[in-house]
Structure formats: C-alpha cells, structure tokens
C-alpha cells in the first residue's frame, strides 16, 4: 500500500510519462546520447547489449546525466543539439540542470 498522497501519486505518474535525454560514458571515454521515457530500463538495455548498435560495440561504463523534457519533440531536439557538441562541452552538460542545459544548448 502506498503512503503517498493522491497529489504525489499523480505527480509521480506524470514524471514517468516524461521523455528524457540521457548521456552515457562508454568504453574509451566516448559519450553516447539518447532519449527514452524510462532511462533506467533503457540503460539496462545498453548494458545488456540489446540497446543501440553503438553501445554494443562500446559498452557503457556509467550513466552521466539525464534531463527531463516536456515531450518527445523537445527530447529529440535536445538530443540532436547535444550530438553536435564537442566532447568537452558534452561533459560540461553533466553538471547542469535540465533548464541550464536548455539554456546552454539553445541560448
């Protein structure tokens, strides 16, 4: 039985439906970027070798960051912007909040 209020349960449910952009540190120091609704499940797929082709060849070492997005469109736009960044700038994102990451990427 849950000890959460109805309001807290509704907020938790909405959070589970959000899209996220995530960054994974892979073998060799590369940073992989992707989007998912459930980052923990998607990360487990990458670790198991059933995720993206890139992470099968370059196994993940650890999850660096995840940023909640308003919808799938925003997550896709953030993912594309992050993939265009130099590695040093991708690592700078790790220390930022989702709002700060948006500001960094889109000005």
PDB file of N, CA and C in Angstrom:
ATOM      1  N   UNK A   1       0.827  -1.173   0.000  1.00  0.00           N
ATOM      2  CA  UNK A   1       0.000   0.000   0.000  1.00  0.00           C
ATOM      3  C   UNK A   1       0.879   1.246   0.000  1.00  0.00           C
ATOM      4  N   UNK A   2       0.559   2.228  -0.804  1.00  0.00           N
ATOM      5  CA  UNK A   2       1.357   3.433  -0.931  1.00  0.00           C
ATOM      6  C   UNK A   2       1.027   4.436   0.164  1.00  0.00           C
ATOM      7  N   UNK A   3       2.063   5.109   0.635  1.00  0.00           N
ATOM      8  CA  UNK A   3       1.889   6.142   1.646  1.00  0.00           C
ATOM      9  C   UNK A   3       1.902   7.531   1.028  1.00  0.00           C
ATOM     10  N   UNK A   4       1.834   7.604  -0.282  1.00  0.00           N
ATOM     11  CA  UNK A   4       1.849   8.883  -0.982  1.00  0.00           C
ATOM     12  C   UNK A   4       0.436   9.435  -1.090  1.00  0.00           C
ATOM     13  N   UNK A   5       0.353  10.743  -1.049  1.00  0.00           N
ATOM     14  CA  UNK A   5      -0.943  11.392  -1.218  1.00  0.00           C
ATOM     15  C   UNK A   5      -1.393  11.248  -2.676  1.00  0.00           C
ATOM     16  N   UNK A   6      -2.673  11.436  -2.947  1.00  0.00           N
ATOM     17  CA  UNK A   6      -3.143  11.381  -4.343  1.00  0.00           C
ATOM     18  C   UNK A   6      -2.402  12.368  -5.240  1.00  0.00           C
ATOM     19  N   UNK A   7      -2.100  13.538  -4.712  1.00  0.00           N
ATOM     20  CA  UNK A   7      -1.380  14.553  -5.492  1.00  0.00           C
ATOM     21  C   UNK A   7       0.036  14.066  -5.826  1.00  0.00           C
ATOM     22  N   UNK A   8       0.704  13.456  -4.836  1.00  0.00           N
ATOM     23  CA  UNK A   8       2.058  12.942  -5.062  1.00  0.00           C
ATOM     24  C   UNK A   8       2.040  11.784  -6.052  1.00  0.00           C
ATOM     25  N   UNK A   9       1.029  10.926  -5.955  1.00  0.00           N
ATOM     26  CA  UNK A   9       0.907   9.815  -6.908  1.00  0.00           C
ATOM     27  C   UNK A   9       0.704  10.327  -8.331  1.00  0.00           C
ATOM     28  N   UNK A  10      -0.116  11.372  -8.487  1.00  0.00           N
ATOM     29  CA  UNK A  10      -0.353  11.955  -9.812  1.00  0.00           C
ATOM     30  C   UNK A  10       0.935  12.557 -10.367  1.00  0.00           C
ATOM     31  N   UNK A  11       1.703  13.236  -9.511  1.00  0.00           N
ATOM     32  CA  UNK A  11       2.974  13.834  -9.949  1.00  0.00           C
ATOM     33  C   UNK A  11       3.960  12.744 -10.359  1.00  0.00           C
ATOM     34  N   UNK A  12       3.994  11.657  -9.602  1.00  0.00           N
ATOM     35  CA  UNK A  12       4.887  10.543  -9.925  1.00  0.00           C
ATOM     36  C   UNK A  12       4.501   9.920 -11.265  1.00  0.00           C
ATOM     37  N   UNK A  13       3.201   9.793 -11.497  1.00  0.00           N
ATOM     38  CA  UNK A  13       2.707   9.240 -12.757  1.00  0.00           C
ATOM     39  C   UNK A  13       3.084  10.131 -13.939  1.00  0.00           C
ATOM     40  N   UNK A  14       2.915  11.439 -13.783  1.00  0.00           N
ATOM     41  CA  UNK A  14       3.288  12.378 -14.855  1.00  0.00           C
ATOM     42  C   UNK A  14       4.784  12.313 -15.131  1.00  0.00           C
ATOM     43  N   UNK A  15       5.584  12.206 -14.088  1.00  0.00           N
ATOM     44  CA  UNK A  15       7.040  12.142 -14.254  1.00  0.00           C
ATOM     45  C   UNK A  15       7.442  10.893 -15.022  1.00  0.00           C
ATOM     46  N   UNK A  16       6.738   9.781 -14.806  1.00  0.00           N
ATOM     47  CA  UNK A  16       7.056   8.541 -15.504  1.00  0.00           C
ATOM     48  C   UNK A  16       6.742   8.631 -16.991  1.00  0.00           C
ATOM     49  N   UNK A  17       5.838   9.525 -17.362  1.00  0.00           N
ATOM     50  CA  UNK A  17       5.459   9.675 -18.764  1.00  0.00           C
ATOM     51  C   UNK A  17       6.353  10.655 -19.517  1.00  0.00           C
ATOM     52  N   UNK A  18       7.195  11.377 -18.820  1.00  0.00           N
ATOM     53  CA  UNK A  18       8.072  12.358 -19.466  1.00  0.00           C
ATOM     54  C   UNK A  18       9.154  11.673 -20.285  1.00  0.00           C
ATOM     55  N   UNK A  19       9.593  12.387 -21.288  1.00  0.00           N
ATOM     56  CA  UNK A  19      10.747  11.952 -22.076  1.00  0.00           C
ATOM     57  C   UNK A  19      11.995  12.541 -21.449  1.00  0.00           C
ATOM     58  N   UNK A  20      13.096  11.827 -21.576  1.00  0.00           N
ATOM     59  CA  UNK A  20      14.380  12.280 -21.048  1.00  0.00           C
ATOM     60  C   UNK A  20      15.452  12.159 -22.118  1.00  0.00           C
ATOM     61  N   UNK A  21      16.425  13.044 -22.031  1.00  0.00           N
ATOM     62  CA  UNK A  21      17.666  12.919 -22.788  1.00  0.00           C
ATOM     63  C   UNK A  21      18.686  12.400 -21.785  1.00  0.00           C
ATOM     64  N   UNK A  22      19.484  11.427 -22.189  1.00  0.00           N
ATOM     65  CA  UNK A  22      20.481  10.887 -21.260  1.00  0.00           C
ATOM     66  C   UNK A  22      21.845  10.810 -21.928  1.00  0.00           C
ATOM     67  N   UNK A  23      22.877  10.876 -21.104  1.00  0.00           N
ATOM     68  CA  UNK A  23      24.254  10.767 -21.571  1.00  0.00           C
ATOM     69  C   UNK A  23      24.912   9.612 -20.837  1.00  0.00           C
ATOM     70  N   UNK A  24      25.586   8.755 -21.591  1.00  0.00           N
ATOM     71  CA  UNK A  24      26.265   7.588 -21.038  1.00  0.00           C
ATOM     72  C   UNK A  24      27.744   7.686 -21.374  1.00  0.00           C
ATOM     73  N   UNK A  25      28.595   7.433 -20.388  1.00  0.00           N
ATOM     74  CA  UNK A  25      30.025   7.320 -20.627  1.00  0.00           C
ATOM     75  C   UNK A  25      30.302   5.897 -21.081  1.00  0.00           C
ATOM     76  N   UNK A  26      30.909   5.757 -22.248  1.00  0.00           N
ATOM     77  CA  UNK A  26      31.190   4.439 -22.813  1.00  0.00           C
ATOM     78  C   UNK A  26      32.677   4.116 -22.721  1.00  0.00           C
ATOM     79  N   UNK A  27      32.981   2.847 -22.994  1.00  0.00           N
ATOM     80  CA  UNK A  27      34.381   2.407 -23.018  1.00  0.00           C
ATOM     81  C   UNK A  27      35.160   3.300 -23.981  1.00  0.00           C
ATOM     82  N   UNK A  28      36.335   3.680 -23.603  1.00  0.00           N
ATOM     83  CA  UNK A  28      37.154   4.538 -24.442  1.00  0.00           C
ATOM     84  C   UNK A  28      36.895   6.019 -24.195  1.00  0.00           C
ATOM     85  N   UNK A  29      35.961   6.337 -23.301  1.00  0.00           N
ATOM     86  CA  UNK A  29      35.710   7.728 -22.949  1.00  0.00           C
ATOM     87  C   UNK A  29      34.692   8.454 -23.799  1.00  0.00           C
ATOM     88  N   UNK A  30      34.107   7.773 -24.773  1.00  0.00           N
ATOM     89  CA  UNK A  30      33.094   8.411 -25.618  1.00  0.00           C
ATOM     90  C   UNK A  30      31.818   8.639 -24.814  1.00  0.00           C
ATOM     91  N   UNK A  31      31.079   9.678 -25.198  1.00  0.00           N
ATOM     92  CA  UNK A  31      29.806   9.979 -24.552  1.00  0.00           C
ATOM     93  C   UNK A  31      28.684   9.689 -25.540  1.00  0.00           C
ATOM     94  N   UNK A  32      27.806   8.747 -25.186  1.00  0.00           N
ATOM     95  CA  UNK A  32      26.654   8.382 -26.008  1.00  0.00           C
ATOM     96  C   UNK A  32      25.451   9.178 -25.518  1.00  0.00           C
ATOM     97  N   UNK A  33      24.645   9.676 -26.438  1.00  0.00           N
ATOM     98  CA  UNK A  33      23.447  10.442 -26.103  1.00  0.00           C
ATOM     99  C   UNK A  33      22.230   9.760 -26.708  1.00  0.00           C
ATOM    100  N   UNK A  34      21.149   9.671 -25.925  1.00  0.00           N
ATOM    101  CA  UNK A  34      19.916   9.073 -26.413  1.00  0.00           C
ATOM    102  C   UNK A  34      18.712   9.666 -25.704  1.00  0.00           C
ATOM    103  N   UNK A  35      17.511   9.217 -26.103  1.00  0.00           N
ATOM    104  CA  UNK A  35      16.282   9.657 -25.441  1.00  0.00           C
ATOM    105  C   UNK A  35      15.471   8.421 -25.053  1.00  0.00           C
ATOM    106  N   UNK A  36      14.704   8.562 -23.974  1.00  0.00           N
ATOM    107  CA  UNK A  36      13.856   7.461 -23.508  1.00  0.00           C
ATOM    108  C   UNK A  36      12.846   7.986 -22.509  1.00  0.00           C
ATOM    109  N   UNK A  37      11.784   7.240 -22.330  1.00  0.00           N
ATOM    110  CA  UNK A  37      10.832   7.562 -21.266  1.00  0.00           C
ATOM    111  C   UNK A  37      11.334   7.044 -19.933  1.00  0.00           C
ATOM    112  N   UNK A  38      11.859   5.835 -19.926  1.00  0.00           N
ATOM    113  CA  UNK A  38      12.379   5.229 -18.709  1.00  0.00           C
ATOM    114  C   UNK A  38      13.879   5.012 -18.887  1.00  0.00           C
ATOM    115  N   UNK A  39      14.663   5.931 -18.363  1.00  0.00           N
ATOM    116  CA  UNK A  39      16.112   5.899 -18.577  1.00  0.00           C
ATOM    117  C   UNK A  39      16.744   4.669 -17.928  1.00  0.00           C
ATOM    118  N   UNK A  40      16.264   4.265 -16.763  1.00  0.00           N
ATOM    119  CA  UNK A  40      16.836   3.097 -16.080  1.00  0.00           C
ATOM    120  C   UNK A  40      16.677   1.834 -16.930  1.00  0.00           C
ATOM    121  N   UNK A  41      15.509   1.649 -17.511  1.00  0.00           N
ATOM    122  CA  UNK A  41      15.261   0.482 -18.367  1.00  0.00           C
ATOM    123  C   UNK A  41      16.127   0.565 -19.621  1.00  0.00           C
ATOM    124  N   UNK A  42      16.194   1.734 -20.227  1.00  0.00           N
ATOM    125  CA  UNK A  42      16.983   1.889 -21.455  1.00  0.00           C
ATOM    126  C   UNK A  42      18.468   1.680 -21.170  1.00  0.00           C
ATOM    127  N   UNK A  43      18.957   2.196 -20.047  1.00  0.00           N
ATOM    128  CA  UNK A  43      20.362   1.999 -19.683  1.00  0.00           C
ATOM    129  C   UNK A  43      20.647   0.503 -19.490  1.00  0.00           C
ATOM    130  N   UNK A  44      19.736  -0.199 -18.838  1.00  0.00           N
ATOM    131  CA  UNK A  44      19.901  -1.640 -18.644  1.00  0.00           C
ATOM    132  C   UNK A  44      19.968  -2.366 -19.992  1.00  0.00           C
ATOM    133  N   UNK A  45      19.191  -1.906 -20.969  1.00  0.00           N
ATOM    134  CA  UNK A  45      19.251  -2.494 -22.310  1.00  0.00           C
ATOM    135  C   UNK A  45      20.626  -2.267 -22.931  1.00  0.00           C
ATOM    136  N   UNK A  46      21.161  -1.065 -22.773  1.00  0.00           N
ATOM    137  CA  UNK A  46      22.506  -0.777 -23.304  1.00  0.00           C
ATOM    138  C   UNK A  46      23.541  -1.697 -22.641  1.00  0.00           C
ATOM    139  N   UNK A  47      23.460  -1.837 -21.321  1.00  0.00           N
ATOM    140  CA  UNK A  47      24.418  -2.673 -20.582  1.00  0.00           C
ATOM    141  C   UNK A  47      24.308  -4.134 -21.019  1.00  0.00           C
ATOM    142  N   UNK A  48      23.075  -4.597 -21.263  1.00  0.00           N
ATOM    143  CA  UNK A  48      22.847  -5.987 -21.668  1.00  0.00           C
ATOM    144  C   UNK A  48      23.231  -6.254 -23.124  1.00  0.00           C
ATOM    145  N   UNK A  49      23.532  -5.197 -23.867  1.00  0.00           N
ATOM    146  CA  UNK A  49      23.901  -5.385 -25.270  1.00  0.00           C
ATOM    147  C   UNK A  49      22.712  -5.424 -26.208  1.00  0.00           C
ATOM    148  N   UNK A  50      21.524  -5.047 -25.713  1.00  0.00           N
ATOM    149  CA  UNK A  50      20.331  -5.044 -26.555  1.00  0.00           C
ATOM    150  C   UNK A  50      19.876  -3.632 -26.891  1.00  0.00           C
ATOM    151  N   UNK A  51      20.699  -2.651 -26.555  1.00  0.00           N
ATOM    152  CA  UNK A  51      20.375  -1.267 -26.863  1.00  0.00           C
ATOM    153  C   UNK A  51      20.869  -0.906 -28.249  1.00  0.00           C
ATOM    154  N   UNK A  52      21.390   0.277 -28.390  1.00  0.00           N
ATOM    155  CA  UNK A  52      21.871   0.773 -29.679  1.00  0.00           C
ATOM    156  C   UNK A  52      23.109   0.014 -30.151  1.00  0.00           C
ATOM    157  N   UNK A  53      23.291  -0.011 -31.452  1.00  0.00           N
ATOM    158  CA  UNK A  53      24.448  -0.675 -32.039  1.00  0.00           C
ATOM    159  C   UNK A  53      25.748  -0.094 -31.470  1.00  0.00           C
ATOM    160  N   UNK A  54      25.768   1.231 -31.296  1.00  0.00           N
ATOM    161  CA  UNK A  54      26.987   1.877 -30.789  1.00  0.00           C
ATOM    162  C   UNK A  54      27.381   1.335 -29.421  1.00  0.00           C
ATOM    163  N   UNK A  55      26.397   1.182 -28.524  1.00  0.00           N
ATOM    164  CA  UNK A  55      26.735   0.723 -27.175  1.00  0.00           C
ATOM    165  C   UNK A  55      27.003  -0.785 -27.113  1.00  0.00           C
ATOM    166  N   UNK A  56      26.653  -1.508 -28.163  1.00  0.00           N
ATOM    167  CA  UNK A  56      27.055  -2.919 -28.215  1.00  0.00           C
ATOM    168  C   UNK A  56      28.547  -3.002 -28.504  1.00  0.00           C
ATOM    169  N   UNK A  57      29.043  -2.111 -29.354  1.00  0.00           N
ATOM    170  CA  UNK A  57      30.463  -2.090 -29.698  1.00  0.00           C
ATOM    171  C   UNK A  57      31.296  -1.340 -28.663  1.00  0.00           C
ATOM    172  N   UNK A  58      30.667  -0.401 -27.961  1.00  0.00           N
ATOM    173  CA  UNK A  58      31.344   0.433 -26.958  1.00  0.00           C
ATOM    174  C   UNK A  58      30.526   0.377 -25.670  1.00  0.00           C
ATOM    175  N   UNK A  59      30.694  -0.679 -24.888  1.00  0.00           N
ATOM    176  CA  UNK A  59      29.832  -0.885 -23.727  1.00  0.00           C
ATOM    177  C   UNK A  59      29.818   0.309 -22.755  1.00  0.00           C
ATOM    178  N   UNK A  60      28.664   0.557 -22.154  1.00  0.00           N
ATOM    179  CA  UNK A  60      28.536   1.659 -21.207  1.00  0.00           C
ATOM    180  C   UNK A  60      29.346   1.407 -19.936  1.00  0.00           C
ATOM    181  N   UNK A  61      29.894   2.486 -19.400  1.00  0.00           N
ATOM    182  CA  UNK A  61      30.576   2.408 -18.107  1.00  0.00           C
ATOM    183  C   UNK A  61      29.668   2.937 -17.008  1.00  0.00           C
ATOM    184  N   UNK A  62      28.996   4.090 -17.306  1.00  0.00           N
ATOM    185  CA  UNK A  62      28.066   4.639 -16.316  1.00  0.00           C
ATOM    186  C   UNK A  62      27.173   5.694 -16.951  1.00  0.00           C
ATOM    187  N   UNK A  63      26.043   5.908 -16.307  1.00  0.00           N
ATOM    188  CA  UNK A  63      25.120   6.959 -16.727  1.00  0.00           C
ATOM    189  C   UNK A  63      25.661   8.276 -16.192  1.00  0.00           C
ATOM    190  N   UNK A  64      25.882   9.234 -17.084  1.00  0.00           N
ATOM    191  CA  UNK A  64      26.441  10.522 -16.674  1.00  0.00           C
ATOM    192  C   UNK A  64      25.370  11.513 -16.234  1.00  0.00           C
ATOM    193  N   UNK A  65      24.280  11.599 -17.002  1.00  0.00           N
ATOM    194  CA  UNK A  65      23.246  12.592 -16.702  1.00  0.00           C
ATOM    195  C   UNK A  65      21.967  12.236 -17.423  1.00  0.00           C
ATOM    196  N   UNK A  66      20.864  12.782 -16.915  1.00  0.00           N
ATOM    197  CA  UNK A  66      19.585  12.698 -17.625  1.00  0.00           C
ATOM    198  C   UNK A  66      18.851  14.002 -17.389  1.00  0.00           C
ATOM    199  N   UNK A  67      18.145  14.439 -18.438  1.00  0.00           N
ATOM    200  CA  UNK A  67      17.415  15.702 -18.395  1.00  0.00           C
ATOM    201  C   UNK A  67      15.967  15.446 -18.781  1.00  0.00           C
ATOM    202  N   UNK A  68      15.042  15.826 -17.919  1.00  0.00           N
ATOM    203  CA  UNK A  68      13.619  15.678 -18.215  1.00  0.00           C
ATOM    204  C   UNK A  68      13.217  16.703 -19.264  1.00  0.00           C
ATOM    205  N   UNK A  69      12.375  16.287 -20.196  1.00  0.00           N
ATOM    206  CA  UNK A  69      11.897  17.163 -21.266  1.00  0.00           C
ATOM    207  C   UNK A  69      10.375  17.242 -21.221  1.00  0.00           C
ATOM    208  N   UNK A  70       9.838  18.253 -21.860  1.00  0.00           N
ATOM    209  CA  UNK A  70       8.392  18.455 -21.861  1.00  0.00           C
ATOM    210  C   UNK A  70       7.668  17.410 -22.693  1.00  0.00           C
ATOM    211  N   UNK A  71       8.313  16.957 -23.788  1.00  0.00           N
ATOM    212  CA  UNK A  71       7.690  15.983 -24.673  1.00  0.00           C
ATOM    213  C   UNK A  71       8.772  15.324 -25.543  1.00  0.00           C
ATOM    214  N   UNK A  72       8.363  14.412 -26.396  1.00  0.00           N
ATOM    215  CA  UNK A  72       9.318  13.698 -27.238  1.00  0.00           C
ATOM    216  C   UNK A  72      10.012  14.641 -28.223  1.00  0.00           C
ATOM    217  N   UNK A  73       9.284  15.613 -28.728  1.00  0.00           N
ATOM    218  CA  UNK A  73       9.867  16.562 -29.675  1.00  0.00           C
ATOM    219  C   UNK A  73      11.026  17.330 -29.046  1.00  0.00           C
ATOM    220  N   UNK A  74      10.806  17.837 -27.841  1.00  0.00           N
ATOM    221  CA  UNK A  74      11.880  18.573 -27.173  1.00  0.00           C
ATOM    222  C   UNK A  74      13.060  17.655 -26.886  1.00  0.00           C
ATOM    223  N   UNK A  75      12.796  16.419 -26.467  1.00  0.00           N
ATOM    224  CA  UNK A  75      13.873  15.471 -26.197  1.00  0.00           C
ATOM    225  C   UNK A  75      14.689  15.206 -27.463  1.00  0.00           C
ATOM    226  N   UNK A  76      14.019  15.046 -28.587  1.00  0.00           N
ATOM    227  CA  UNK A  76      14.712  14.808 -29.855  1.00  0.00           C
ATOM    228  C   UNK A  76      15.561  16.005 -30.264  1.00  0.00           C
ATOM    229  N   UNK A  77      15.018  17.219 -30.069  1.00  0.00           N
ATOM    230  CA  UNK A  77      15.783  18.426 -30.406  1.00  0.00           C
ATOM    231  C   UNK A  77      17.012  18.562 -29.509  1.00  0.00           C
ATOM    232  N   UNK A  78      16.846  18.282 -28.217  1.00  0.00           N
ATOM    233  CA  UNK A  78      17.995  18.347 -27.306  1.00  0.00           C
ATOM    234  C   UNK A  78      19.040  17.298 -27.668  1.00  0.00           C
ATOM    235  N   UNK A  79      18.573  16.091 -27.988  1.00  0.00           N
ATOM    236  CA  UNK A  79      19.494  15.018 -28.368  1.00  0.00           C
ATOM    237  C   UNK A  79      20.317  15.430 -29.588  1.00  0.00           C
ATOM    238  N   UNK A  80      19.659  15.970 -30.601  1.00  0.00           N
ATOM    239  CA  UNK A  80      20.360  16.391 -31.820  1.00  0.00           C
ATOM    240  C   UNK A  80      21.362  17.494 -31.517  1.00  0.00           C
ATOM    241  N   UNK A  81      20.983  18.442 -30.678  1.00  0.00           N
ATOM    242  CA  UNK A  81      21.894  19.540 -30.321  1.00  0.00           C
ATOM    243  C   UNK A  81      23.096  19.016 -29.544  1.00  0.00           C
ATOM    244  N   UNK A  82      22.868  18.085 -28.629  1.00  0.00           N
ATOM    245  CA  UNK A  82      23.965  17.526 -27.836  1.00  0.00           C
ATOM    246  C   UNK A  82      24.923  16.743 -28.721  1.00  0.00           C
ATOM    247  N   UNK A  83      24.391  15.991 -29.676  1.00  0.00           N
ATOM    248  CA  UNK A  83      25.243  15.189 -30.552  1.00  0.00           C
ATOM    249  C   UNK A  83      26.160  16.060 -31.410  1.00  0.00           C
ATOM    250  N   UNK A  84      25.795  17.316 -31.620  1.00  0.00           N
ATOM    251  CA  UNK A  84      26.631  18.228 -32.398  1.00  0.00           C
ATOM    252  C   UNK A  84      27.754  18.854 -31.570  1.00  0.00           C
ATOM    253  N   UNK A  85      27.688  18.713 -30.253  1.00  0.00           N
ATOM    254  CA  UNK A  85      28.687  19.327 -29.374  1.00  0.00           C
ATOM    255  C   UNK A  85      30.005  18.565 -29.385  1.00  0.00           C
ATOM    256  N   UNK A  86      31.069  19.288 -29.097  1.00  0.00           N
ATOM    257  CA  UNK A  86      32.368  18.659 -28.880  1.00  0.00           C
ATOM    258  C   UNK A  86      32.309  17.890 -27.554  1.00  0.00           C
ATOM    259  N   UNK A  87      33.156  16.903 -27.395  1.00  0.00           N
ATOM    260  CA  UNK A  87      33.154  16.061 -26.192  1.00  0.00           C
ATOM    261  C   UNK A  87      33.295  16.886 -24.914  1.00  0.00           C
ATOM    262  N   UNK A  88      34.127  17.892 -24.926  1.00  0.00           N
ATOM    263  CA  UNK A  88      34.340  18.727 -23.728  1.00  0.00           C
ATOM    264  C   UNK A  88      33.043  19.428 -23.323  1.00  0.00           C
ATOM    265  N   UNK A  89      32.275  19.873 -24.302  1.00  0.00           N
ATOM    266  CA  UNK A  89      31.016  20.547 -23.994  1.00  0.00           C
ATOM    267  C   UNK A  89      29.932  19.564 -23.529  1.00  0.00           C
ATOM    268  N   UNK A  90      29.986  18.331 -24.029  1.00  0.00           N
ATOM    269  CA  UNK A  90      29.054  17.311 -23.537  1.00  0.00           C
ATOM    270  C   UNK A  90      29.310  17.059 -22.053  1.00  0.00           C
ATOM    271  N   UNK A  91      30.572  17.026 -21.682  1.00  0.00           N
ATOM    272  CA  UNK A  91      30.915  16.789 -20.277  1.00  0.00           C
ATOM    273  C   UNK A  91      30.505  17.973 -19.395  1.00  0.00           C
ATOM    274  N   UNK A  92      30.502  19.170 -19.946  1.00  0.00           N
ATOM    275  CA  UNK A  92      30.049  20.336 -19.190  1.00  0.00           C
ATOM    276  C   UNK A  92      28.557  20.234 -18.867  1.00  0.00           C
ATOM    277  N   UNK A  93      27.787  19.610 -19.739  1.00  0.00           N
ATOM    278  CA  UNK A  93      26.350  19.449 -19.514  1.00  0.00           C
ATOM    279  C   UNK A  93      26.040  18.593 -18.293  1.00  0.00           C
ATOM    280  N   UNK A  94      26.923  17.673 -17.971  1.00  0.00           N
ATOM    281  CA  UNK A  94      26.689  16.728 -16.888  1.00  0.00           C
ATOM    282  C   UNK A  94      26.405  17.449 -15.570  1.00  0.00           C
ATOM    283  N   UNK A  95      27.022  18.567 -15.361  1.00  0.00           N
ATOM    284  CA  UNK A  95      26.868  19.292 -14.092  1.00  0.00           C
ATOM    285  C   UNK A  95      25.688  20.263 -14.099  1.00  0.00           C
ATOM    286  N   UNK A  96      24.929  20.312 -15.175  1.00  0.00           N
ATOM    287  CA  UNK A  96      23.852  21.289 -15.300  1.00  0.00           C
ATOM    288  C   UNK A  96      22.478  20.668 -15.043  1.00  0.00           C
ATOM    289  N   UNK A  97      21.540  21.512 -14.632  1.00  0.00           N
ATOM    290  CA  UNK A  97      20.144  21.096 -14.511  1.00  0.00           C
ATOM    291  C   UNK A  97      19.536  21.054 -15.914  1.00  0.00           C
ATOM    292  N   UNK A  98      18.323  20.527 -16.016  1.00  0.00           N
ATOM    293  CA  UNK A  98      17.660  20.464 -17.321  1.00  0.00           C
ATOM    294  C   UNK A  98      17.454  21.862 -17.891  1.00  0.00           C
ATOM    295  N   UNK A  99      17.042  22.799 -17.051  1.00  0.00           N
ATOM    296  CA  UNK A  99      16.826  24.176 -17.516  1.00  0.00           C
ATOM    297  C   UNK A  99      18.143  24.815 -17.965  1.00  0.00           C
ATOM    298  N   UNK A 100      19.201  24.588 -17.203  1.00  0.00           N
ATOM    299  CA  UNK A 100      20.507  25.143 -17.574  1.00  0.00           C
ATOM    300  C   UNK A 100      21.032  24.490 -18.851  1.00  0.00           C
ATOM    301  N   UNK A 101      20.747  23.206 -19.032  1.00  0.00           N
ATOM    302  CA  UNK A 101      21.171  22.516 -20.256  1.00  0.00           C
ATOM    303  C   UNK A 101      20.453  23.110 -21.474  1.00  0.00           C
ATOM    304  N   UNK A 102      19.138  23.370 -21.336  1.00  0.00           N
ATOM    305  CA  UNK A 102      18.396  24.001 -22.436  1.00  0.00           C
ATOM    306  C   UNK A 102      19.008  25.358 -22.787  1.00  0.00           C
ATOM    307  N   UNK A 103      19.328  26.147 -21.748  1.00  0.00           N
ATOM    308  CA  UNK A 103      19.928  27.471 -21.960  1.00  0.00           C
ATOM    309  C   UNK A 103      21.269  27.338 -22.670  1.00  0.00           C
ATOM    310  N   UNK A 104      22.077  26.368 -22.249  1.00  0.00           N
ATOM    311  CA  UNK A 104      23.398  26.117 -22.834  1.00  0.00           C
ATOM    312  C   UNK A 104      23.261  25.738 -24.308  1.00  0.00           C
ATOM    313  N   UNK A 105      22.263  24.894 -24.623  1.00  0.00           N
ATOM    314  CA  UNK A 105      22.109  24.388 -25.978  1.00  0.00           C
ATOM    315  C   UNK A 105      21.422  25.372 -26.925  1.00  0.00           C
ATOM    316  N   UNK A 106      20.407  26.052 -26.418  1.00  0.00           N
ATOM    317  CA  UNK A 106      19.563  26.862 -27.306  1.00  0.00           C
ATOM    318  C   UNK A 106      19.664  28.363 -27.069  1.00  0.00           C
ATOM    319  N   UNK A 107      20.455  28.741 -26.075  1.00  0.00           N
ATOM    320  CA  UNK A 107      20.640  30.183 -25.813  1.00  0.00           C
ATOM    321  C   UNK A 107      19.550  30.871 -25.094  1.00  0.00           C
TER     322      UNK A 107
END
